[in-house]
Amino acid sequence: MNQGSLKNMVVLKNLPSNIVEEAIIILKTNKKIKQNEKINLNKNKEKVEKTKENDYILKEAEMIIMNYITKLEQKKKERNEIQKTIKRKCKNFKKCIIIMSMILIVETILLILK
């Protein structure tokens, strides 16, 4: 099966919703993005307020998708923070190893000279 012809899809299950049981999101084709585009929430809120009261399902779907996107962004931020702390710890560990090895070399030289 040719994977190039398949669509990128995300299936959201076990949603905290009274109306929506499962959501299927079909993503656009893979394109190289120079910068992430932010969604203007003010325009979306105005549109939601203008819609009829009977569009509960549409509102619920929008909320679910926005929650899903914010969770993904939060996970990405957490991953970046963890990577930064790991890099910082590695640098400190390398410095400690270098200092310990220099002390060891000096001590061995001193023992040999005695």
PDB file of N, CA and C in Angstrom:
ATOM      1  N   MET A   1       0.836  -1.173   0.000  1.00  0.00           N
ATOM      2  CA  MET A   1       0.000   0.000   0.000  1.00  0.00           C
ATOM      3  C   MET A   1       0.881   1.237   0.000  1.00  0.00           C
ATOM      4  N   ASN A   2       0.574   2.188  -0.825  1.00  0.00           N
ATOM      5  CA  ASN A   2       1.346   3.413  -0.936  1.00  0.00           C
ATOM      6  C   ASN A   2       0.950   4.357   0.191  1.00  0.00           C
ATOM      7  N   GLN A   3       1.910   4.671   1.063  1.00  0.00           N
ATOM      8  CA  GLN A   3       1.604   5.533   2.199  1.00  0.00           C
ATOM      9  C   GLN A   3       1.489   6.989   1.793  1.00  0.00           C
ATOM     10  N   GLY A   4       1.967   7.348   0.629  1.00  0.00           N
ATOM     11  CA  GLY A   4       1.850   8.722   0.161  1.00  0.00           C
ATOM     12  C   GLY A   4       0.412   9.104  -0.133  1.00  0.00           C
ATOM     13  N   SER A   5      -0.407   8.105  -0.480  1.00  0.00           N
ATOM     14  CA  SER A   5      -1.796   8.403  -0.802  1.00  0.00           C
ATOM     15  C   SER A   5      -2.687   8.422   0.441  1.00  0.00           C
ATOM     16  N   LEU A   6      -2.162   7.949   1.589  1.00  0.00           N
ATOM     17  CA  LEU A   6      -2.957   7.955   2.817  1.00  0.00           C
ATOM     18  C   LEU A   6      -3.030   9.359   3.392  1.00  0.00           C
ATOM     19  N   LYS A   7      -4.120   9.644   4.077  1.00  0.00           N
ATOM     20  CA  LYS A   7      -4.276  10.953   4.704  1.00  0.00           C
ATOM     21  C   LYS A   7      -3.772  10.878   6.140  1.00  0.00           C
ATOM     22  N   ASN A   8      -3.267  11.997   6.618  1.00  0.00           N
ATOM     23  CA  ASN A   8      -2.839  12.086   8.004  1.00  0.00           C
ATOM     24  C   ASN A   8      -4.083  12.273   8.858  1.00  0.00           C
ATOM     25  N   MET A   9      -4.300  11.345   9.762  1.00  0.00           N
ATOM     26  CA  MET A   9      -5.501  11.399  10.590  1.00  0.00           C
ATOM     27  C   MET A   9      -5.135  11.240  12.054  1.00  0.00           C
ATOM     28  N   VAL A  10      -5.927  11.884  12.907  1.00  0.00           N
ATOM     29  CA  VAL A  10      -5.795  11.738  14.345  1.00  0.00           C
ATOM     30  C   VAL A  10      -7.170  11.357  14.864  1.00  0.00           C
ATOM     31  N   VAL A  11      -7.220  10.296  15.663  1.00  0.00           N
ATOM     32  CA  VAL A  11      -8.480   9.861  16.253  1.00  0.00           C
ATOM     33  C   VAL A  11      -8.416  10.132  17.747  1.00  0.00           C
ATOM     34  N   LEU A  12      -9.359  10.928  18.236  1.00  0.00           N
ATOM     35  CA  LEU A  12      -9.425  11.258  19.654  1.00  0.00           C
ATOM     36  C   LEU A  12     -10.525  10.419  20.283  1.00  0.00           C
ATOM     37  N   LYS A  13     -10.165   9.626  21.300  1.00  0.00           N
ATOM     38  CA  LYS A  13     -11.133   8.783  21.995  1.00  0.00           C
ATOM     39  C   LYS A  13     -11.124   9.115  23.471  1.00  0.00           C
ATOM     40  N   ASN A  14     -12.107   8.615  24.184  1.00  0.00           N
ATOM     41  CA  ASN A  14     -12.245   8.832  25.631  1.00  0.00           C
ATOM     42  C   ASN A  14     -12.196  10.316  25.970  1.00  0.00           C
ATOM     43  N   LEU A  15     -13.013  11.069  25.291  1.00  0.00           N
ATOM     44  CA  LEU A  15     -13.038  12.517  25.472  1.00  0.00           C
ATOM     45  C   LEU A  15     -13.919  12.894  26.664  1.00  0.00           C
ATOM     46  N   PRO A  16     -13.555  13.959  27.377  1.00  0.00           N
ATOM     47  CA  PRO A  16     -14.391  14.413  28.493  1.00  0.00           C
ATOM     48  C   PRO A  16     -15.563  15.239  27.979  1.00  0.00           C
ATOM     49  N   SER A  17     -16.452  14.608  27.265  1.00  0.00           N
ATOM     50  CA  SER A  17     -17.565  15.315  26.645  1.00  0.00           C
ATOM     51  C   SER A  17     -18.843  14.514  26.827  1.00  0.00           C
ATOM     52  N   ASN A  18     -19.946  15.218  26.943  1.00  0.00           N
ATOM     53  CA  ASN A  18     -21.242  14.554  27.042  1.00  0.00           C
ATOM     54  C   ASN A  18     -21.824  14.259  25.672  1.00  0.00           C
ATOM     55  N   ILE A  19     -21.389  14.983  24.678  1.00  0.00           N
ATOM     56  CA  ILE A  19     -21.969  14.856  23.349  1.00  0.00           C
ATOM     57  C   ILE A  19     -21.097  14.027  22.420  1.00  0.00           C
ATOM     58  N   VAL A  20     -19.806  14.331  22.401  1.00  0.00           N
ATOM     59  CA  VAL A  20     -18.884  13.703  21.451  1.00  0.00           C
ATOM     60  C   VAL A  20     -18.224  12.492  22.096  1.00  0.00           C
ATOM     61  N   GLU A  21     -18.343  11.350  21.434  1.00  0.00           N
ATOM     62  CA  GLU A  21     -17.720  10.125  21.940  1.00  0.00           C
ATOM     63  C   GLU A  21     -16.336   9.924  21.340  1.00  0.00           C
ATOM     64  N   GLU A  22     -16.207  10.215  20.037  1.00  0.00           N
ATOM     65  CA  GLU A  22     -14.956  10.002  19.331  1.00  0.00           C
ATOM     66  C   GLU A  22     -14.840  11.070  18.252  1.00  0.00           C
ATOM     67  N   ALA A  23     -13.631  11.604  18.067  1.00  0.00           N
ATOM     68  CA  ALA A  23     -13.421  12.634  17.047  1.00  0.00           C
ATOM     69  C   ALA A  23     -12.314  12.187  16.110  1.00  0.00           C
ATOM     70  N   ILE A  24     -12.529  12.404  14.824  1.00  0.00           N
ATOM     71  CA  ILE A  24     -11.530  12.080  13.809  1.00  0.00           C
ATOM     72  C   ILE A  24     -11.125  13.385  13.154  1.00  0.00           C
ATOM     73  N   ILE A  25      -9.826  13.689  13.203  1.00  0.00           N
ATOM     74  CA  ILE A  25      -9.310  14.916  12.619  1.00  0.00           C
ATOM     75  C   ILE A  25      -8.429  14.534  11.437  1.00  0.00           C
ATOM     76  N   ILE A  26      -8.729  15.108  10.286  1.00  0.00           N
ATOM     77  CA  ILE A  26      -7.934  14.852   9.087  1.00  0.00           C
ATOM     78  C   ILE A  26      -7.040  16.064   8.882  1.00  0.00           C
ATOM     79  N   LEU A  27      -5.721  15.824   8.886  1.00  0.00           N
ATOM     80  CA  LEU A  27      -4.744  16.897   8.767  1.00  0.00           C
ATOM     81  C   LEU A  27      -4.418  17.171   7.308  1.00  0.00           C
ATOM     82  N   LYS A  28      -3.919  18.377   7.058  1.00  0.00           N
ATOM     83  CA  LYS A  28      -3.487  18.732   5.713  1.00  0.00           C
ATOM     84  C   LYS A  28      -2.252  17.928   5.343  1.00  0.00           C
ATOM     85  N   THR A  29      -1.911  17.961   4.056  1.00  0.00           N
ATOM     86  CA  THR A  29      -0.734  17.217   3.601  1.00  0.00           C
ATOM     87  C   THR A  29       0.515  17.808   4.223  1.00  0.00           C
ATOM     88  N   ASN A  30       1.553  16.999   4.292  1.00  0.00           N
ATOM     89  CA  ASN A  30       2.817  17.439   4.894  1.00  0.00           C
ATOM     90  C   ASN A  30       3.435  18.540   4.047  1.00  0.00           C
ATOM     91  N   LYS A  31       3.664  19.671   4.690  1.00  0.00           N
ATOM     92  CA  LYS A  31       4.320  20.790   4.039  1.00  0.00           C
ATOM     93  C   LYS A  31       5.361  21.324   4.990  1.00  0.00           C
ATOM     94  N   LYS A  32       6.409  21.891   4.443  1.00  0.00           N
ATOM     95  CA  LYS A  32       7.429  22.493   5.285  1.00  0.00           C
ATOM     96  C   LYS A  32       6.931  23.863   5.718  1.00  0.00           C
ATOM     97  N   ILE A  33       6.882  24.049   7.023  1.00  0.00           N
ATOM     98  CA  ILE A  33       6.377  25.291   7.588  1.00  0.00           C
ATOM     99  C   ILE A  33       7.560  26.083   8.110  1.00  0.00           C
ATOM    100  N   LYS A  34       7.644  27.344   7.718  1.00  0.00           N
ATOM    101  CA  LYS A  34       8.735  28.178   8.189  1.00  0.00           C
ATOM    102  C   LYS A  34       8.514  28.588   9.642  1.00  0.00           C
ATOM    103  N   GLN A  35       7.279  28.985   9.967  1.00  0.00           N
ATOM    104  CA  GLN A  35       6.952  29.375  11.334  1.00  0.00           C
ATOM    105  C   GLN A  35       5.571  28.820  11.668  1.00  0.00           C
ATOM    106  N   ASN A  36       5.381  28.510  12.931  1.00  0.00           N
ATOM    107  CA  ASN A  36       4.071  28.061  13.363  1.00  0.00           C
ATOM    108  C   ASN A  36       3.102  29.231  13.337  1.00  0.00           C
ATOM    109  N   GLU A  37       1.920  28.978  12.816  1.00  0.00           N
ATOM    110  CA  GLU A  37       0.904  30.020  12.791  1.00  0.00           C
ATOM    111  C   GLU A  37       0.031  29.862  14.021  1.00  0.00           C
ATOM    112  N   LYS A  38      -0.193  30.959  14.695  1.00  0.00           N
ATOM    113  CA  LYS A  38      -1.032  30.944  15.888  1.00  0.00           C
ATOM    114  C   LYS A  38      -2.469  31.231  15.489  1.00  0.00           C
ATOM    115  N   ILE A  39      -3.390  30.576  16.159  1.00  0.00           N
ATOM    116  CA  ILE A  39      -4.805  30.786  15.903  1.00  0.00           C
ATOM    117  C   ILE A  39      -5.254  32.002  16.703  1.00  0.00           C
ATOM    118  N   ASN A  40      -5.955  32.907  16.049  1.00  0.00           N
ATOM    119  CA  ASN A  40      -6.459  34.087  16.734  1.00  0.00           C
ATOM    120  C   ASN A  40      -7.753  33.696  17.439  1.00  0.00           C
ATOM    121  N   LEU A  41      -7.697  33.579  18.748  1.00  0.00           N
ATOM    122  CA  LEU A  41      -8.839  33.107  19.513  1.00  0.00           C
ATOM    123  C   LEU A  41      -9.964  34.128  19.577  1.00  0.00           C
ATOM    124  N   ASN A  42      -9.660  35.406  19.476  1.00  0.00           N
ATOM    125  CA  ASN A  42     -10.697  36.430  19.551  1.00  0.00           C
ATOM    126  C   ASN A  42     -11.673  36.313  18.390  1.00  0.00           C
ATOM    127  N   LYS A  43     -11.174  36.071  17.194  1.00  0.00           N
ATOM    128  CA  LYS A  43     -12.053  35.920  16.041  1.00  0.00           C
ATOM    129  C   LYS A  43     -12.914  34.671  16.184  1.00  0.00           C
ATOM    130  N   ASN A  44     -12.325  33.582  16.695  1.00  0.00           N
ATOM    131  CA  ASN A  44     -13.079  32.354  16.867  1.00  0.00           C
ATOM    132  C   ASN A  44     -14.197  32.541  17.890  1.00  0.00           C
ATOM    133  N   LYS A  45     -13.920  33.294  18.966  1.00  0.00           N
ATOM    134  CA  LYS A  45     -14.952  33.517  19.981  1.00  0.00           C
ATOM    135  C   LYS A  45     -16.101  34.336  19.414  1.00  0.00           C
ATOM    136  N   GLU A  46     -15.782  35.337  18.580  1.00  0.00           N
ATOM    137  CA  GLU A  46     -16.836  36.137  17.978  1.00  0.00           C
ATOM    138  C   GLU A  46     -17.706  35.281  17.063  1.00  0.00           C
ATOM    139  N   LYS A  47     -17.080  34.400  16.297  1.00  0.00           N
ATOM    140  CA  LYS A  47     -17.839  33.534  15.411  1.00  0.00           C
ATOM    141  C   LYS A  47     -18.731  32.591  16.202  1.00  0.00           C
ATOM    142  N   VAL A  48     -18.216  32.061  17.314  1.00  0.00           N
ATOM    143  CA  VAL A  48     -18.985  31.129  18.126  1.00  0.00           C
ATOM    144  C   VAL A  48     -20.192  31.833  18.727  1.00  0.00           C
ATOM    145  N   GLU A  49     -20.015  33.083  19.151  1.00  0.00           N
ATOM    146  CA  GLU A  49     -21.127  33.819  19.743  1.00  0.00           C
ATOM    147  C   GLU A  49     -22.208  34.121  18.714  1.00  0.00           C
ATOM    148  N   LYS A  50     -21.832  34.279  17.453  1.00  0.00           N
ATOM    149  CA  LYS A  50     -22.792  34.601  16.409  1.00  0.00           C
ATOM    150  C   LYS A  50     -23.604  33.388  15.962  1.00  0.00           C
ATOM    151  N   THR A  51     -23.093  32.192  16.216  1.00  0.00           N
ATOM    152  CA  THR A  51     -23.797  31.000  15.761  1.00  0.00           C
ATOM    153  C   THR A  51     -25.068  30.789  16.569  1.00  0.00           C
ATOM    154  N   LYS A  52     -25.939  29.952  16.060  1.00  0.00           N
ATOM    155  CA  LYS A  52     -27.207  29.666  16.728  1.00  0.00           C
ATOM    156  C   LYS A  52     -26.972  28.828  17.971  1.00  0.00           C
ATOM    157  N   GLU A  53     -27.938  28.829  18.838  1.00  0.00           N
ATOM    158  CA  GLU A  53     -27.815  28.062  20.078  1.00  0.00           C
ATOM    159  C   GLU A  53     -27.868  26.562  19.822  1.00  0.00           C
ATOM    160  N   ASN A  54     -28.376  26.145  18.687  1.00  0.00           N
ATOM    161  CA  ASN A  54     -28.508  24.715  18.387  1.00  0.00           C
ATOM    162  C   ASN A  54     -27.216  24.082  17.891  1.00  0.00           C
ATOM    163  N   ASP A  55     -26.137  24.836  17.781  1.00  0.00           N
ATOM    164  CA  ASP A  55     -24.878  24.306  17.277  1.00  0.00           C
ATOM    165  C   ASP A  55     -23.982  23.824  18.420  1.00  0.00           C
ATOM    166  N   TYR A  56     -24.530  23.072  19.343  1.00  0.00           N
ATOM    167  CA  TYR A  56     -23.760  22.578  20.480  1.00  0.00           C
ATOM    168  C   TYR A  56     -22.653  21.634  20.030  1.00  0.00           C
ATOM    169  N   ILE A  57     -22.931  20.831  19.056  1.00  0.00           N
ATOM    170  CA  ILE A  57     -21.950  19.842  18.603  1.00  0.00           C
ATOM    171  C   ILE A  57     -20.734  20.537  18.006  1.00  0.00           C
ATOM    172  N   LEU A  58     -20.973  21.563  17.215  1.00  0.00           N
ATOM    173  CA  LEU A  58     -19.868  22.298  16.610  1.00  0.00           C
ATOM    174  C   LEU A  58     -19.016  22.970  17.675  1.00  0.00           C
ATOM    175  N   LYS A  59     -19.659  23.578  18.647  1.00  0.00           N
ATOM    176  CA  LYS A  59     -18.923  24.224  19.742  1.00  0.00           C
ATOM    177  C   LYS A  59     -18.116  23.200  20.526  1.00  0.00           C
ATOM    178  N   GLU A  60     -18.729  22.067  20.792  1.00  0.00           N
ATOM    179  CA  GLU A  60     -18.049  21.006  21.548  1.00  0.00           C
ATOM    180  C   GLU A  60     -16.822  20.507  20.783  1.00  0.00           C
ATOM    181  N   ALA A  61     -16.961  20.322  19.477  1.00  0.00           N
ATOM    182  CA  ALA A  61     -15.833  19.853  18.660  1.00  0.00           C
ATOM    183  C   ALA A  61     -14.703  20.878  18.658  1.00  0.00           C
ATOM    184  N   GLU A  62     -15.041  22.155  18.548  1.00  0.00           N
ATOM    185  CA  GLU A  62     -14.012  23.185  18.578  1.00  0.00           C
ATOM    186  C   GLU A  62     -13.275  23.185  19.915  1.00  0.00           C
ATOM    187  N   MET A  63     -14.006  23.043  20.991  1.00  0.00           N
ATOM    188  CA  MET A  63     -13.375  23.014  22.311  1.00  0.00           C
ATOM    189  C   MET A  63     -12.456  21.818  22.453  1.00  0.00           C
ATOM    190  N   ILE A  64     -12.889  20.674  21.964  1.00  0.00           N
ATOM    191  CA  ILE A  64     -12.079  19.453  22.065  1.00  0.00           C
ATOM    192  C   ILE A  64     -10.780  19.616  21.286  1.00  0.00           C
ATOM    193  N   ILE A  65     -10.868  20.142  20.083  1.00  0.00           N
ATOM    194  CA  ILE A  65      -9.678  20.314  19.256  1.00  0.00           C
ATOM    195  C   ILE A  65      -8.728  21.330  19.884  1.00  0.00           C
ATOM    196  N   MET A  66      -9.275  22.430  20.405  1.00  0.00           N
ATOM    197  CA  MET A  66      -8.417  23.434  21.038  1.00  0.00           C
ATOM    198  C   MET A  66      -7.732  22.861  22.275  1.00  0.00           C
ATOM    199  N   ASN A  67      -8.455  22.064  23.065  1.00  0.00           N
ATOM    200  CA  ASN A  67      -7.849  21.426  24.239  1.00  0.00           C
ATOM    201  C   ASN A  67      -6.748  20.462  23.830  1.00  0.00           C
ATOM    202  N   TYR A  68      -6.974  19.699  22.770  1.00  0.00           N
ATOM    203  CA  TYR A  68      -5.988  18.744  22.283  1.00  0.00           C
ATOM    204  C   TYR A  68      -4.717  19.469  21.836  1.00  0.00           C
ATOM    205  N   ILE A  69      -4.875  20.565  21.113  1.00  0.00           N
ATOM    206  CA  ILE A  69      -3.716  21.325  20.630  1.00  0.00           C
ATOM    207  C   ILE A  69      -2.953  21.926  21.794  1.00  0.00           C
ATOM    208  N   THR A  70      -3.644  22.481  22.780  1.00  0.00           N
ATOM    209  CA  THR A  70      -2.944  23.069  23.926  1.00  0.00           C
ATOM    210  C   THR A  70      -2.194  22.005  24.719  1.00  0.00           C
ATOM    211  N   LYS A  71      -2.765  20.809  24.835  1.00  0.00           N
ATOM    212  CA  LYS A  71      -2.064  19.725  25.527  1.00  0.00           C
ATOM    213  C   LYS A  71      -0.795  19.342  24.782  1.00  0.00           C
ATOM    214  N   LEU A  72      -0.861  19.287  23.454  1.00  0.00           N
ATOM    215  CA  LEU A  72       0.337  18.971  22.667  1.00  0.00           C
ATOM    216  C   LEU A  72       1.411  20.030  22.859  1.00  0.00           C
ATOM    217  N   GLU A  73       1.013  21.302  22.874  1.00  0.00           N
ATOM    218  CA  GLU A  73       1.981  22.373  23.068  1.00  0.00           C
ATOM    219  C   GLU A  73       2.595  22.316  24.454  1.00  0.00           C
ATOM    220  N   GLN A  74       1.797  21.979  25.463  1.00  0.00           N
ATOM    221  CA  GLN A  74       2.319  21.870  26.822  1.00  0.00           C
ATOM    222  C   GLN A  74       3.324  20.732  26.926  1.00  0.00           C
ATOM    223  N   LYS A  75       3.023  19.609  26.298  1.00  0.00           N
ATOM    224  CA  LYS A  75       3.953  18.479  26.326  1.00  0.00           C
ATOM    225  C   LYS A  75       5.275  18.851  25.660  1.00  0.00           C
ATOM    226  N   LYS A  76       5.201  19.614  24.566  1.00  0.00           N
ATOM    227  CA  LYS A  76       6.407  20.028  23.867  1.00  0.00           C
ATOM    228  C   LYS A  76       7.239  20.945  24.752  1.00  0.00           C
ATOM    229  N   LYS A  77       6.602  21.868  25.455  1.00  0.00           N
ATOM    230  CA  LYS A  77       7.319  22.763  26.359  1.00  0.00           C
ATOM    231  C   LYS A  77       7.970  21.978  27.490  1.00  0.00           C
ATOM    232  N   GLU A  78       7.251  21.007  28.048  1.00  0.00           N
ATOM    233  CA  GLU A  78       7.803  20.191  29.130  1.00  0.00           C
ATOM    234  C   GLU A  78       9.009  19.401  28.651  1.00  0.00           C
ATOM    235  N   ARG A  79       8.920  18.850  27.443  1.00  0.00           N
ATOM    236  CA  ARG A  79      10.042  18.103  26.884  1.00  0.00           C
ATOM    237  C   ARG A  79      11.263  18.992  26.711  1.00  0.00           C
ATOM    238  N   ASN A  80      11.038  20.212  26.227  1.00  0.00           N
ATOM    239  CA  ASN A  80      12.161  21.141  26.049  1.00  0.00           C
ATOM    240  C   ASN A  80      12.794  21.495  27.386  1.00  0.00           C
ATOM    241  N   GLU A  81      11.994  21.691  28.419  1.00  0.00           N
ATOM    242  CA  GLU A  81      12.535  22.001  29.742  1.00  0.00           C
ATOM    243  C   GLU A  81      13.346  20.838  30.289  1.00  0.00           C
ATOM    244  N   ILE A  82      12.851  19.636  30.113  1.00  0.00           N
ATOM    245  CA  ILE A  82      13.568  18.452  30.586  1.00  0.00           C
ATOM    246  C   ILE A  82      14.899  18.304  29.851  1.00  0.00           C
ATOM    247  N   GLN A  83      14.893  18.537  28.544  1.00  0.00           N
ATOM    248  CA  GLN A  83      16.134  18.449  27.771  1.00  0.00           C
ATOM    249  C   GLN A  83      17.144  19.490  28.226  1.00  0.00           C
ATOM    250  N   LYS A  84      16.676  20.691  28.551  1.00  0.00           N
ATOM    251  CA  LYS A  84      17.583  21.729  29.028  1.00  0.00           C
ATOM    252  C   LYS A  84      18.213  21.334  30.355  1.00  0.00           C
ATOM    253  N   THR A  85      17.423  20.779  31.266  1.00  0.00           N
ATOM    254  CA  THR A  85      17.983  20.380  32.557  1.00  0.00           C
ATOM    255  C   THR A  85      18.971  19.235  32.387  1.00  0.00           C
ATOM    256  N   ILE A  86      18.681  18.312  31.487  1.00  0.00           N
ATOM    257  CA  ILE A  86      19.597  17.195  31.244  1.00  0.00           C
ATOM    258  C   ILE A  86      20.910  17.710  30.663  1.00  0.00           C
ATOM    259  N   LYS A  87      20.849  18.643  29.724  1.00  0.00           N
ATOM    260  CA  LYS A  87      22.074  19.207  29.153  1.00  0.00           C
ATOM    261  C   LYS A  87      22.889  19.929  30.213  1.00  0.00           C
ATOM    262  N   ARG A  88      22.219  20.668  31.083  1.00  0.00           N
ATOM    263  CA  ARG A  88      22.915  21.387  32.151  1.00  0.00           C
ATOM    264  C   ARG A  88      23.602  20.408  33.099  1.00  0.00           C
ATOM    265  N   LYS A  89      22.916  19.326  33.451  1.00  0.00           N
ATOM    266  CA  LYS A  89      23.494  18.319  34.336  1.00  0.00           C
ATOM    267  C   LYS A  89      24.686  17.624  33.674  1.00  0.00           C
ATOM    268  N   CYS A  90      24.601  17.367  32.374  1.00  0.00           N
ATOM    269  CA  CYS A  90      25.712  16.741  31.655  1.00  0.00           C
ATOM    270  C   CYS A  90      26.941  17.637  31.661  1.00  0.00           C
ATOM    271  N   LYS A  91      26.723  18.931  31.463  1.00  0.00           N
ATOM    272  CA  LYS A  91      27.855  19.866  31.485  1.00  0.00           C
ATOM    273  C   LYS A  91      28.511  19.877  32.858  1.00  0.00           C
ATOM    274  N   ASN A  92      27.705  19.916  33.913  1.00  0.00           N
ATOM    275  CA  ASN A  92      28.252  19.899  35.270  1.00  0.00           C
ATOM    276  C   ASN A  92      28.999  18.597  35.551  1.00  0.00           C
ATOM    277  N   PHE A  93      28.446  17.502  35.058  1.00  0.00           N
ATOM    278  CA  PHE A  93      29.080  16.195  35.257  1.00  0.00           C
ATOM    279  C   PHE A  93      30.421  16.131  34.537  1.00  0.00           C
ATOM    280  N   LYS A  94      30.492  16.658  33.319  1.00  0.00           N
ATOM    281  CA  LYS A  94      31.744  16.675  32.562  1.00  0.00           C
ATOM    282  C   LYS A  94      32.799  17.504  33.287  1.00  0.00           C
ATOM    283  N   LYS A  95      32.388  18.656  33.805  1.00  0.00           N
ATOM    284  CA  LYS A  95      33.327  19.495  34.547  1.00  0.00           C
ATOM    285  C   LYS A  95      33.855  18.760  35.772  1.00  0.00           C
ATOM    286  N   CYS A  96      32.977  18.073  36.464  1.00  0.00           N
ATOM    287  CA  CYS A  96      33.371  17.326  37.662  1.00  0.00           C
ATOM    288  C   CYS A  96      34.346  16.209  37.303  1.00  0.00           C
ATOM    289  N   ILE A  97      34.080  15.511  36.222  1.00  0.00           N
ATOM    290  CA  ILE A  97      34.963  14.429  35.788  1.00  0.00           C
ATOM    291  C   ILE A  97      36.339  14.975  35.423  1.00  0.00           C
ATOM    292  N   ILE A  98      36.387  16.098  34.733  1.00  0.00           N
ATOM    293  CA  ILE A  98      37.668  16.695  34.350  1.00  0.00           C
ATOM    294  C   ILE A  98      38.463  17.082  35.592  1.00  0.00           C
ATOM    295  N   ILE A  99      37.804  17.708  36.550  1.00  0.00           N
ATOM    296  CA  ILE A  99      38.488  18.117  37.789  1.00  0.00           C
ATOM    297  C   ILE A  99      38.992  16.898  38.553  1.00  0.00           C
ATOM    298  N   MET A 100      38.166  15.867  38.664  1.00  0.00           N
ATOM    299  CA  MET A 100      38.575  14.656  39.379  1.00  0.00           C
ATOM    300  C   MET A 100      39.758  13.969  38.691  1.00  0.00           C
ATOM    301  N   SER A 101      39.723  13.927  37.363  1.00  0.00           N
ATOM    302  CA  SER A 101      40.837  13.285  36.649  1.00  0.00           C
ATOM    303  C   SER A 101      42.129  14.086  36.825  1.00  0.00           C
ATOM    304  N   MET A 102      42.037  15.400  36.839  1.00  0.00           N
ATOM    305  CA  MET A 102      43.240  16.215  37.055  1.00  0.00           C
ATOM    306  C   MET A 102      43.789  15.990  38.463  1.00  0.00           C
ATOM    307  N   ILE A 103      42.921  15.910  39.435  1.00  0.00           N
ATOM    308  CA  ILE A 103      43.366  15.636  40.814  1.00  0.00           C
ATOM    309  C   ILE A 103      44.029  14.267  40.891  1.00  0.00           C
ATOM    310  N   LEU A 104      43.458  13.293  40.232  1.00  0.00           N
ATOM    311  CA  LEU A 104      44.026  11.947  40.226  1.00  0.00           C
ATOM    312  C   LEU A 104      45.412  11.945  39.591  1.00  0.00           C
ATOM    313  N   ILE A 105      45.576  12.647  38.495  1.00  0.00           N
ATOM    314  CA  ILE A 105      46.876  12.711  37.823  1.00  0.00           C
ATOM    315  C   ILE A 105      47.910  13.383  38.718  1.00  0.00           C
ATOM    316  N   VAL A 106      47.533  14.473  39.358  1.00  0.00           N
ATOM    317  CA  VAL A 106      48.465  15.169  40.255  1.00  0.00           C
ATOM    318  C   VAL A 106      48.847  14.274  41.421  1.00  0.00           C
ATOM    319  N   GLU A 107      47.912  13.558  41.988  1.00  0.00           N
ATOM    320  CA  GLU A 107      48.218  12.673  43.108  1.00  0.00           C
ATOM    321  C   GLU A 107      49.141  11.526  42.710  1.00  0.00           C
ATOM    322  N   THR A 108      48.902  10.966  41.518  1.00  0.00           N
ATOM    323  CA  THR A 108      49.783   9.881  41.062  1.00  0.00           C
ATOM    324  C   THR A 108      51.194  10.401  40.817  1.00  0.00           C
ATOM    325  N   ILE A 109      51.326  11.576  40.276  1.00  0.00           N
ATOM    326  CA  ILE A 109      52.652  12.165  40.072  1.00  0.00           C
ATOM    327  C   ILE A 109      53.347  12.385  41.407  1.00  0.00           C
ATOM    328  N   LEU A 110      52.606  12.905  42.393  1.00  0.00           N
ATOM    329  CA  LEU A 110      53.179  13.125  43.714  1.00  0.00           C
ATOM    330  C   LEU A 110      53.599  11.800  44.393  1.00  0.00           C
ATOM    331  N   LEU A 111      52.818  10.772  44.216  1.00  0.00           N
ATOM    332  CA  LEU A 111      53.171   9.468  44.788  1.00  0.00           C
ATOM    333  C   LEU A 111      54.404   8.876  44.116  1.00  0.00           C
ATOM    334  N   ILE A 112      54.508   9.068  42.809  1.00  0.00           N
ATOM    335  CA  ILE A 112      55.658   8.537  42.089  1.00  0.00           C
ATOM    336  C   ILE A 112      56.939   9.273  42.508  1.00  0.00           C
ATOM    337  N   LEU A 113      56.860  10.570  42.708  1.00  0.00           N
ATOM    338  CA  LEU A 113      58.038  11.358  43.094  1.00  0.00           C
ATOM    339  C   LEU A 113      58.513  11.041  44.506  1.00  0.00           C
ATOM    340  N   LYS A 114      57.679  10.609  45.396  1.00  0.00           N
ATOM    341  CA  LYS A 114      58.094  10.291  46.772  1.00  0.00           C
ATOM    342  C   LYS A 114      58.774   8.982  46.782  1.00  0.00           C
TER     343      LYS A 114
END
